Amino acid sequence: MCLVFSTFSTFLGRPGIHLEDLYVSPEYRGFGYGKAILKKLSEITVQRGYGRLEWWCLNWNQPSIDFYKSLGAQTMDAWTDYRLSGKELEELAK
């Protein structure tokens, strides 16, 4: 299962695809389903002339990190994610 949405890169001046969720049931892992999903998303990205396919991965999820790196994915070390939620979000919204 995967959930994706379109993005736009102001750096590239082109659209892209963001992979929000990728999930393969544990009993089906190791059979190539995750790779097949990422391959298809890569094909769609290229066919549409988009600039990139990107996603996030939790830094403690080493099996996924190893899998993504085996496909040639690169870690975006120069970026830091930020989030506003809860009390802080409500305070800023006032």
PDB file of N, CA and C in Angstrom:
ATOM      1  N   MET A   1       0.843  -1.153   0.000  1.00  0.00           N
ATOM      2  CA  MET A   1       0.000   0.000   0.000  1.00  0.00           C
ATOM      3  C   MET A   1       0.893   1.221   0.000  1.00  0.00           C
ATOM      4  N   CYS A   2       0.521   2.211  -0.773  1.00  0.00           N
ATOM      5  CA  CYS A   2       1.242   3.479  -0.721  1.00  0.00           C
ATOM      6  C   CYS A   2       0.263   4.619  -0.859  1.00  0.00           C
ATOM      7  N   LEU A   3       0.634   5.739  -0.263  1.00  0.00           N
ATOM      8  CA  LEU A   3      -0.139   6.972  -0.346  1.00  0.00           C
ATOM      9  C   LEU A   3       0.812   8.039  -0.860  1.00  0.00           C
ATOM     10  N   VAL A   4       0.469   8.679  -1.960  1.00  0.00           N
ATOM     11  CA  VAL A   4       1.329   9.694  -2.574  1.00  0.00           C
ATOM     12  C   VAL A   4       0.538  10.962  -2.849  1.00  0.00           C
ATOM     13  N   PHE A   5       1.262  12.063  -3.000  1.00  0.00           N
ATOM     14  CA  PHE A   5       0.635  13.294  -3.465  1.00  0.00           C
ATOM     15  C   PHE A   5       1.644  14.094  -4.269  1.00  0.00           C
ATOM     16  N   SER A   6       1.124  14.995  -5.093  1.00  0.00           N
ATOM     17  CA  SER A   6       1.975  15.837  -5.938  1.00  0.00           C
ATOM     18  C   SER A   6       2.601  16.942  -5.119  1.00  0.00           C
ATOM     19  N   THR A   7       3.805  17.300  -5.512  1.00  0.00           N
ATOM     20  CA  THR A   7       4.512  18.418  -4.894  1.00  0.00           C
ATOM     21  C   THR A   7       5.026  19.325  -6.008  1.00  0.00           C
ATOM     22  N   PHE A   8       5.602  20.442  -5.610  1.00  0.00           N
ATOM     23  CA  PHE A   8       6.277  21.312  -6.577  1.00  0.00           C
ATOM     24  C   PHE A   8       7.556  21.818  -5.948  1.00  0.00           C
ATOM     25  N   SER A   9       8.666  21.680  -6.655  1.00  0.00           N
ATOM     26  CA  SER A   9       9.953  22.147  -6.175  1.00  0.00           C
ATOM     27  C   SER A   9      10.261  23.507  -6.772  1.00  0.00           C
ATOM     28  N   THR A  10      10.370  24.518  -5.917  1.00  0.00           N
ATOM     29  CA  THR A  10      10.773  25.834  -6.406  1.00  0.00           C
ATOM     30  C   THR A  10      12.251  25.828  -6.788  1.00  0.00           C
ATOM     31  N   PHE A  11      13.040  24.904  -6.224  1.00  0.00           N
ATOM     32  CA  PHE A  11      14.447  24.794  -6.590  1.00  0.00           C
ATOM     33  C   PHE A  11      14.596  24.282  -8.017  1.00  0.00           C
ATOM     34  N   LEU A  12      13.798  23.270  -8.367  1.00  0.00           N
ATOM     35  CA  LEU A  12      13.863  22.690  -9.712  1.00  0.00           C
ATOM     36  C   LEU A  12      12.939  23.388 -10.699  1.00  0.00           C
ATOM     37  N   GLY A  13      11.910  24.043 -10.179  1.00  0.00           N
ATOM     38  CA  GLY A  13      10.892  24.620 -11.055  1.00  0.00           C
ATOM     39  C   GLY A  13      10.053  23.544 -11.730  1.00  0.00           C
ATOM     40  N   ARG A  14       9.916  22.404 -11.055  1.00  0.00           N
ATOM     41  CA  ARG A  14       9.178  21.266 -11.624  1.00  0.00           C
ATOM     42  C   ARG A  14       8.395  20.556 -10.527  1.00  0.00           C
ATOM     43  N   PRO A  15       7.329  19.874 -10.925  1.00  0.00           N
ATOM     44  CA  PRO A  15       6.580  19.080  -9.950  1.00  0.00           C
ATOM     45  C   PRO A  15       7.356  17.828  -9.549  1.00  0.00           C
ATOM     46  N   GLY A  16       6.848  17.174  -8.533  1.00  0.00           N
ATOM     47  CA  GLY A  16       7.422  15.922  -8.067  1.00  0.00           C
ATOM     48  C   GLY A  16       6.344  15.093  -7.387  1.00  0.00           C
ATOM     49  N   ILE A  17       6.745  13.982  -6.844  1.00  0.00           N
ATOM     50  CA  ILE A  17       5.835  13.102  -6.109  1.00  0.00           C
ATOM     51  C   ILE A  17       6.405  12.905  -4.714  1.00  0.00           C
ATOM     52  N   HIS A  18       5.549  13.054  -3.713  1.00  0.00           N
ATOM     53  CA  HIS A  18       5.921  12.756  -2.333  1.00  0.00           C
ATOM     54  C   HIS A  18       5.225  11.468  -1.924  1.00  0.00           C
ATOM     55  N   LEU A  19       6.004  10.512  -1.475  1.00  0.00           N
ATOM     56  CA  LEU A  19       5.487   9.253  -0.957  1.00  0.00           C
ATOM     57  C   LEU A  19       5.264   9.438   0.536  1.00  0.00           C
ATOM     58  N   GLU A  20       4.028   9.542   0.939  1.00  0.00           N
ATOM     59  CA  GLU A  20       3.693   9.778   2.342  1.00  0.00           C
ATOM     60  C   GLU A  20       3.771   8.495   3.160  1.00  0.00           C
ATOM     61  N   ASP A  21       3.274   7.406   2.620  1.00  0.00           N
ATOM     62  CA  ASP A  21       3.292   6.125   3.327  1.00  0.00           C
ATOM     63  C   ASP A  21       3.549   4.992   2.351  1.00  0.00           C
ATOM     64  N   LEU A  22       4.383   4.061   2.772  1.00  0.00           N
ATOM     65  CA  LEU A  22       4.629   2.816   2.049  1.00  0.00           C
ATOM     66  C   LEU A  22       4.542   1.709   3.085  1.00  0.00           C
ATOM     67  N   TYR A  23       3.653   0.773   2.860  1.00  0.00           N
ATOM     68  CA  TYR A  23       3.480  -0.312   3.827  1.00  0.00           C
ATOM     69  C   TYR A  23       3.307  -1.634   3.102  1.00  0.00           C
ATOM     70  N   VAL A  24       4.093  -2.590   3.523  1.00  0.00           N
ATOM     71  CA  VAL A  24       3.969  -3.977   3.066  1.00  0.00           C
ATOM     72  C   VAL A  24       3.766  -4.816   4.324  1.00  0.00           C
ATOM     73  N   SER A  25       2.722  -5.626   4.354  1.00  0.00           N
ATOM     74  CA  SER A  25       2.460  -6.478   5.510  1.00  0.00           C
ATOM     75  C   SER A  25       3.682  -7.339   5.815  1.00  0.00           C
ATOM     76  N   PRO A  26       3.970  -7.535   7.095  1.00  0.00           N
ATOM     77  CA  PRO A  26       5.177  -8.282   7.468  1.00  0.00           C
ATOM     78  C   PRO A  26       5.329  -9.633   6.767  1.00  0.00           C
ATOM     79  N   GLU A  27       4.238 -10.348   6.578  1.00  0.00           N
ATOM     80  CA  GLU A  27       4.347 -11.670   5.953  1.00  0.00           C
ATOM     81  C   GLU A  27       4.703 -11.607   4.469  1.00  0.00           C
ATOM     82  N   TYR A  28       4.610 -10.415   3.856  1.00  0.00           N
ATOM     83  CA  TYR A  28       4.938 -10.263   2.444  1.00  0.00           C
ATOM     84  C   TYR A  28       6.242  -9.513   2.206  1.00  0.00           C
ATOM     85  N   ARG A  29       6.918  -9.122   3.271  1.00  0.00           N
ATOM     86  CA  ARG A  29       8.191  -8.413   3.126  1.00  0.00           C
ATOM     87  C   ARG A  29       9.271  -9.381   2.660  1.00  0.00           C
ATOM     88  N   GLY A  30      10.188  -8.838   1.879  1.00  0.00           N
ATOM     89  CA  GLY A  30      11.287  -9.663   1.365  1.00  0.00           C
ATOM     90  C   GLY A  30      10.974 -10.342   0.047  1.00  0.00           C
ATOM     91  N   PHE A  31       9.797 -10.078  -0.514  1.00  0.00           N
ATOM     92  CA  PHE A  31       9.400 -10.683  -1.789  1.00  0.00           C
ATOM     93  C   PHE A  31       9.455  -9.696  -2.961  1.00  0.00           C
ATOM     94  N   GLY A  32       9.914  -8.462  -2.701  1.00  0.00           N
ATOM     95  CA  GLY A  32      10.048  -7.489  -3.786  1.00  0.00           C
ATOM     96  C   GLY A  32       8.870  -6.558  -3.975  1.00  0.00           C
ATOM     97  N   TYR A  33       7.865  -6.628  -3.109  1.00  0.00           N
ATOM     98  CA  TYR A  33       6.690  -5.763  -3.284  1.00  0.00           C
ATOM     99  C   TYR A  33       7.020  -4.288  -3.050  1.00  0.00           C
ATOM    100  N   GLY A  34       7.801  -3.991  -2.016  1.00  0.00           N
ATOM    101  CA  GLY A  34       8.195  -2.601  -1.761  1.00  0.00           C
ATOM    102  C   GLY A  34       8.999  -2.041  -2.916  1.00  0.00           C
ATOM    103  N   LYS A  35       9.927  -2.838  -3.422  1.00  0.00           N
ATOM    104  CA  LYS A  35      10.727  -2.397  -4.565  1.00  0.00           C
ATOM    105  C   LYS A  35       9.851  -2.186  -5.789  1.00  0.00           C
ATOM    106  N   ALA A  36       8.872  -3.064  -6.005  1.00  0.00           N
ATOM    107  CA  ALA A  36       7.970  -2.929  -7.151  1.00  0.00           C
ATOM    108  C   ALA A  36       7.159  -1.633  -7.054  1.00  0.00           C
ATOM    109  N   ILE A  37       6.718  -1.291  -5.843  1.00  0.00           N
ATOM    110  CA  ILE A  37       5.958  -0.050  -5.663  1.00  0.00           C
ATOM    111  C   ILE A  37       6.838   1.153  -5.973  1.00  0.00           C
ATOM    112  N   LEU A  38       8.056   1.166  -5.443  1.00  0.00           N
ATOM    113  CA  LEU A  38       8.959   2.286  -5.702  1.00  0.00           C
ATOM    114  C   LEU A  38       9.380   2.354  -7.167  1.00  0.00           C
ATOM    115  N   LYS A  39       9.527   1.211  -7.803  1.00  0.00           N
ATOM    116  CA  LYS A  39       9.838   1.181  -9.238  1.00  0.00           C
ATOM    117  C   LYS A  39       8.701   1.815 -10.034  1.00  0.00           C
ATOM    118  N   LYS A  40       7.463   1.450  -9.722  1.00  0.00           N
ATOM    119  CA  LYS A  40       6.317   2.017 -10.439  1.00  0.00           C
ATOM    120  C   LYS A  40       6.206   3.516 -10.198  1.00  0.00           C
ATOM    121  N   LEU A  41       6.409   3.946  -8.955  1.00  0.00           N
ATOM    122  CA  LEU A  41       6.369   5.379  -8.672  1.00  0.00           C
ATOM    123  C   LEU A  41       7.486   6.115  -9.415  1.00  0.00           C
ATOM    124  N   SER A  42       8.648   5.493  -9.532  1.00  0.00           N
ATOM    125  CA  SER A  42       9.750   6.092 -10.291  1.00  0.00           C
ATOM    126  C   SER A  42       9.386   6.213 -11.766  1.00  0.00           C
ATOM    127  N   GLU A  43       8.766   5.184 -12.309  1.00  0.00           N
ATOM    128  CA  GLU A  43       8.327   5.215 -13.707  1.00  0.00           C
ATOM    129  C   GLU A  43       7.334   6.351 -13.928  1.00  0.00           C
ATOM    130  N   ILE A  44       6.373   6.492 -13.046  1.00  0.00           N
ATOM    131  CA  ILE A  44       5.371   7.566 -13.162  1.00  0.00           C
ATOM    132  C   ILE A  44       6.045   8.928 -13.084  1.00  0.00           C
ATOM    133  N   THR A  45       6.983   9.073 -12.148  1.00  0.00           N
ATOM    134  CA  THR A  45       7.696  10.340 -11.983  1.00  0.00           C
ATOM    135  C   THR A  45       8.428  10.717 -13.260  1.00  0.00           C
ATOM    136  N   VAL A  46       9.137   9.764 -13.844  1.00  0.00           N
ATOM    137  CA  VAL A  46       9.893  10.019 -15.075  1.00  0.00           C
ATOM    138  C   VAL A  46       8.960  10.270 -16.245  1.00  0.00           C
ATOM    139  N   GLN A  47       7.919   9.447 -16.402  1.00  0.00           N
ATOM    140  CA  GLN A  47       6.979   9.601 -17.515  1.00  0.00           C
ATOM    141  C   GLN A  47       6.322  10.974 -17.518  1.00  0.00           C
ATOM    142  N   ARG A  48       6.040  11.501 -16.349  1.00  0.00           N
ATOM    143  CA  ARG A  48       5.383  12.814 -16.244  1.00  0.00           C
ATOM    144  C   ARG A  48       6.364  13.977 -16.345  1.00  0.00           C
ATOM    145  N   GLY A  49       7.645  13.675 -16.426  1.00  0.00           N
ATOM    146  CA  GLY A  49       8.643  14.727 -16.516  1.00  0.00           C
ATOM    147  C   GLY A  49       8.879  15.441 -15.193  1.00  0.00           C
ATOM    148  N   TYR A  50       8.523  14.798 -14.094  1.00  0.00           N
ATOM    149  CA  TYR A  50       8.712  15.382 -12.775  1.00  0.00           C
ATOM    150  C   TYR A  50      10.185  15.336 -12.387  1.00  0.00           C
ATOM    151  N   GLY A  51      10.540  16.175 -11.427  1.00  0.00           N
ATOM    152  CA  GLY A  51      11.944  16.289 -11.043  1.00  0.00           C
ATOM    153  C   GLY A  51      12.424  15.306 -10.002  1.00  0.00           C
ATOM    154  N   ARG A  52      11.501  14.809  -9.156  1.00  0.00           N
ATOM    155  CA  ARG A  52      11.961  13.908  -8.103  1.00  0.00           C
ATOM    156  C   ARG A  52      10.816  13.162  -7.435  1.00  0.00           C
ATOM    157  N   LEU A  53      11.202  12.064  -6.833  1.00  0.00           N
ATOM    158  CA  LEU A  53      10.351  11.255  -5.966  1.00  0.00           C
ATOM    159  C   LEU A  53      11.007  11.308  -4.599  1.00  0.00           C
ATOM    160  N   GLU A  54      10.252  11.708  -3.595  1.00  0.00           N
ATOM    161  CA  GLU A  54      10.857  11.834  -2.270  1.00  0.00           C
ATOM    162  C   GLU A  54       9.926  11.329  -1.188  1.00  0.00           C
ATOM    163  N   TRP A  55      10.517  11.029  -0.029  1.00  0.00           N
ATOM    164  CA  TRP A  55       9.766  10.535   1.119  1.00  0.00           C
ATOM    165  C   TRP A  55      10.588  10.756   2.368  1.00  0.00           C
ATOM    166  N   TRP A  56       9.981  10.534   3.508  1.00  0.00           N
ATOM    167  CA  TRP A  56      10.658  10.612   4.808  1.00  0.00           C
ATOM    168  C   TRP A  56      10.751   9.209   5.388  1.00  0.00           C
ATOM    169  N   CYS A  57      11.734   9.029   6.238  1.00  0.00           N
ATOM    170  CA  CYS A  57      11.890   7.775   6.962  1.00  0.00           C
ATOM    171  C   CYS A  57      12.403   8.109   8.349  1.00  0.00           C
ATOM    172  N   LEU A  58      11.819   7.500   9.351  1.00  0.00           N
ATOM    173  CA  LEU A  58      12.279   7.732  10.721  1.00  0.00           C
ATOM    174  C   LEU A  58      13.725   7.264  10.877  1.00  0.00           C
ATOM    175  N   ASN A  59      14.531   8.059  11.577  1.00  0.00           N
ATOM    176  CA  ASN A  59      15.956   7.766  11.649  1.00  0.00           C
ATOM    177  C   ASN A  59      16.297   6.502  12.437  1.00  0.00           C
ATOM    178  N   TRP A  60      15.351   5.931  13.161  1.00  0.00           N
ATOM    179  CA  TRP A  60      15.606   4.683  13.892  1.00  0.00           C
ATOM    180  C   TRP A  60      15.181   3.443  13.094  1.00  0.00           C
ATOM    181  N   ASN A  61      14.585   3.647  11.930  1.00  0.00           N
ATOM    182  CA  ASN A  61      14.070   2.535  11.135  1.00  0.00           C
ATOM    183  C   ASN A  61      15.164   1.999  10.202  1.00  0.00           C
ATOM    184  N   GLN A  62      16.166   1.364  10.781  1.00  0.00           N
ATOM    185  CA  GLN A  62      17.329   0.923  10.023  1.00  0.00           C
ATOM    186  C   GLN A  62      17.009  -0.058   8.887  1.00  0.00           C
ATOM    187  N   PRO A  63      16.076  -1.012   9.074  1.00  0.00           N
ATOM    188  CA  PRO A  63      15.770  -1.890   7.937  1.00  0.00           C
ATOM    189  C   PRO A  63      15.265  -1.116   6.711  1.00  0.00           C
ATOM    190  N   SER A  64      14.421  -0.113   6.936  1.00  0.00           N
ATOM    191  CA  SER A  64      13.927   0.688   5.813  1.00  0.00           C
ATOM    192  C   SER A  64      15.035   1.548   5.223  1.00  0.00           C
ATOM    193  N   ILE A  65      15.849   2.141   6.079  1.00  0.00           N
ATOM    194  CA  ILE A  65      16.969   2.953   5.596  1.00  0.00           C
ATOM    195  C   ILE A  65      17.888   2.105   4.708  1.00  0.00           C
ATOM    196  N   ASP A  66      18.204   0.915   5.167  1.00  0.00           N
ATOM    197  CA  ASP A  66      19.062   0.015   4.370  1.00  0.00           C
ATOM    198  C   ASP A  66      18.405  -0.327   3.039  1.00  0.00           C
ATOM    199  N   PHE A  67      17.101  -0.584   3.064  1.00  0.00           N
ATOM    200  CA  PHE A  67      16.366  -0.902   1.837  1.00  0.00           C
ATOM    201  C   PHE A  67      16.412   0.272   0.864  1.00  0.00           C
ATOM    202  N   TYR A  68      16.104   1.476   1.345  1.00  0.00           N
ATOM    203  CA  TYR A  68      16.089   2.652   0.468  1.00  0.00           C
ATOM    204  C   TYR A  68      17.476   2.932  -0.115  1.00  0.00           C
ATOM    205  N   LYS A  69      18.495   2.804   0.706  1.00  0.00           N
ATOM    206  CA  LYS A  69      19.855   3.039   0.215  1.00  0.00           C
ATOM    207  C   LYS A  69      20.264   1.991  -0.813  1.00  0.00           C
ATOM    208  N   SER A  70      19.753   0.760  -0.667  1.00  0.00           N
ATOM    209  CA  SER A  70      20.075  -0.288  -1.650  1.00  0.00           C
ATOM    210  C   SER A  70      19.498   0.030  -3.021  1.00  0.00           C
ATOM    211  N   LEU A  71      18.487   0.889  -3.061  1.00  0.00           N
ATOM    212  CA  LEU A  71      17.878   1.307  -4.322  1.00  0.00           C
ATOM    213  C   LEU A  71      18.553   2.544  -4.904  1.00  0.00           C
ATOM    214  N   GLY A  72      19.490   3.129  -4.151  1.00  0.00           N
ATOM    215  CA  GLY A  72      20.177   4.327  -4.614  1.00  0.00           C
ATOM    216  C   GLY A  72      19.636   5.623  -4.034  1.00  0.00           C
ATOM    217  N   ALA A  73      18.688   5.535  -3.114  1.00  0.00           N
ATOM    218  CA  ALA A  73      18.132   6.737  -2.489  1.00  0.00           C
ATOM    219  C   ALA A  73      19.200   7.416  -1.636  1.00  0.00           C
ATOM    220  N   GLN A  74      19.135   8.731  -1.585  1.00  0.00           N
ATOM    221  CA  GLN A  74      20.105   9.509  -0.829  1.00  0.00           C
ATOM    222  C   GLN A  74      19.449  10.178   0.364  1.00  0.00           C
ATOM    223  N   THR A  75      20.155  10.203   1.479  1.00  0.00           N
ATOM    224  CA  THR A  75      19.690  10.883   2.680  1.00  0.00           C
ATOM    225  C   THR A  75      19.877  12.386   2.495  1.00  0.00           C
ATOM    226  N   MET A  76      18.854  13.153   2.864  1.00  0.00           N
ATOM    227  CA  MET A  76      18.906  14.608   2.745  1.00  0.00           C
ATOM    228  C   MET A  76      19.363  15.207   4.072  1.00  0.00           C
ATOM    229  N   ASP A  77      20.658  15.104   4.361  1.00  0.00           N
ATOM    230  CA  ASP A  77      21.195  15.541   5.643  1.00  0.00           C
ATOM    231  C   ASP A  77      21.143  17.053   5.844  1.00  0.00           C
ATOM    232  N   ALA A  78      21.039  17.813   4.792  1.00  0.00           N
ATOM    233  CA  ALA A  78      21.056  19.275   4.914  1.00  0.00           C
ATOM    234  C   ALA A  78      19.714  19.853   5.362  1.00  0.00           C
ATOM    235  N   TRP A  79      18.679  19.022   5.449  1.00  0.00           N
ATOM    236  CA  TRP A  79      17.344  19.505   5.780  1.00  0.00           C
ATOM    237  C   TRP A  79      16.963  19.101   7.196  1.00  0.00           C
ATOM    238  N   THR A  80      16.248  19.983   7.876  1.00  0.00           N
ATOM    239  CA  THR A  80      15.697  19.696   9.193  1.00  0.00           C
ATOM    240  C   THR A  80      14.195  19.908   9.123  1.00  0.00           C
ATOM    241  N   ASP A  81      13.436  18.925   9.560  1.00  0.00           N
ATOM    242  CA  ASP A  81      11.976  19.041   9.566  1.00  0.00           C
ATOM    243  C   ASP A  81      11.538  19.858  10.773  1.00  0.00           C
ATOM    244  N   TYR A  82      10.506  20.661  10.571  1.00  0.00           N
ATOM    245  CA  TYR A  82       9.908  21.428  11.656  1.00  0.00           C
ATOM    246  C   TYR A  82       8.425  21.148  11.686  1.00  0.00           C
ATOM    247  N   ARG A  83       7.841  21.285  12.875  1.00  0.00           N
ATOM    248  CA  ARG A  83       6.409  21.018  13.026  1.00  0.00           C
ATOM    249  C   ARG A  83       5.846  21.928  14.103  1.00  0.00           C
ATOM    250  N   LEU A  84       4.661  22.444  13.841  1.00  0.00           N
ATOM    251  CA  LEU A  84       3.868  23.126  14.855  1.00  0.00           C
ATOM    252  C   LEU A  84       2.630  22.286  15.102  1.00  0.00           C
ATOM    253  N   SER A  85       2.337  22.042  16.362  1.00  0.00           N
ATOM    254  CA  SER A  85       1.120  21.304  16.705  1.00  0.00           C
ATOM    255  C   SER A  85       0.732  21.661  18.134  1.00  0.00           C
ATOM    256  N   GLY A  86      -0.454  21.225  18.512  1.00  0.00           N
ATOM    257  CA  GLY A  86      -0.909  21.412  19.879  1.00  0.00           C
ATOM    258  C   GLY A  86      -0.930  22.861  20.312  1.00  0.00           C
ATOM    259  N   LYS A  87      -0.490  23.109  21.538  1.00  0.00           N
ATOM    260  CA  LYS A  87      -0.532  24.432  22.153  1.00  0.00           C
ATOM    261  C   LYS A  87       0.241  25.465  21.330  1.00  0.00           C
ATOM    262  N   GLU A  88       1.413  25.084  20.829  1.00  0.00           N
ATOM    263  CA  GLU A  88       2.234  26.016  20.054  1.00  0.00           C
ATOM    264  C   GLU A  88       1.533  26.441  18.757  1.00  0.00           C
ATOM    265  N   LEU A  89       0.903  25.509  18.097  1.00  0.00           N
ATOM    266  CA  LEU A  89       0.146  25.826  16.884  1.00  0.00           C
ATOM    267  C   LEU A  89      -1.002  26.773  17.192  1.00  0.00           C
ATOM    268  N   GLU A  90      -1.743  26.462  18.246  1.00  0.00           N
ATOM    269  CA  GLU A  90      -2.869  27.292  18.631  1.00  0.00           C
ATOM    270  C   GLU A  90      -2.418  28.696  19.035  1.00  0.00           C
ATOM    271  N   GLU A  91      -1.295  28.814  19.727  1.00  0.00           N
ATOM    272  CA  GLU A  91      -0.783  30.112  20.129  1.00  0.00           C
ATOM    273  C   GLU A  91      -0.401  30.954  18.914  1.00  0.00           C
ATOM    274  N   LEU A  92       0.283  30.357  17.961  1.00  0.00           N
ATOM    275  CA  LEU A  92       0.691  31.105  16.770  1.00  0.00           C
ATOM    276  C   LEU A  92      -0.512  31.508  15.933  1.00  0.00           C
ATOM    277  N   ALA A  93      -1.561  30.714  15.944  1.00  0.00           N
ATOM    278  CA  ALA A  93      -2.763  30.995  15.155  1.00  0.00           C
ATOM    279  C   ALA A  93      -3.581  32.154  15.695  1.00  0.00           C
ATOM    280  N   LYS A  94      -3.313  32.579  16.923  1.00  0.00           N
ATOM    281  CA  LYS A  94      -4.101  33.668  17.527  1.00  0.00           C
ATOM    282  C   LYS A  94      -3.790  34.998  16.897  1.00  0.00           C
TER     283      LYS A  94
END
